[in-house]
């Protein structure tokens, strides 16, 4: 069932429930994704405040200890090389959190308290 028909020259474009549903799904998913990103950035900022006085070497060590235990060694080495090349602690934490999520970021925060 078409709700609307757009005519352009000799072509007709039919707009129905399916197209409208896809359009609104994309908008909804984008809003959810943006909301999740904002919350993750808030968590990264909170964690950065906790490690602000620590050196980059200590931060790298904390990140290395927080990596999943089943993460392949080759990938772990490559990831840690990427992290160690970053100079800003916020960038290190954001990269870690975007790859492994807020649960692993919480693990890292627990290691800071030790």
Foldseek 3Di string as FASTA:
>chain_A
DFPDWDDDPPDIDGHDPVNVVVVVVVVVVVVVVVVQLVVLLVLLVVLCVLCVVPALVVLLVLLLVLDDPPPDPVVSVVLSVVLSVDHDSSVSSSVSCVVPNDVSSVVSSVVSVD
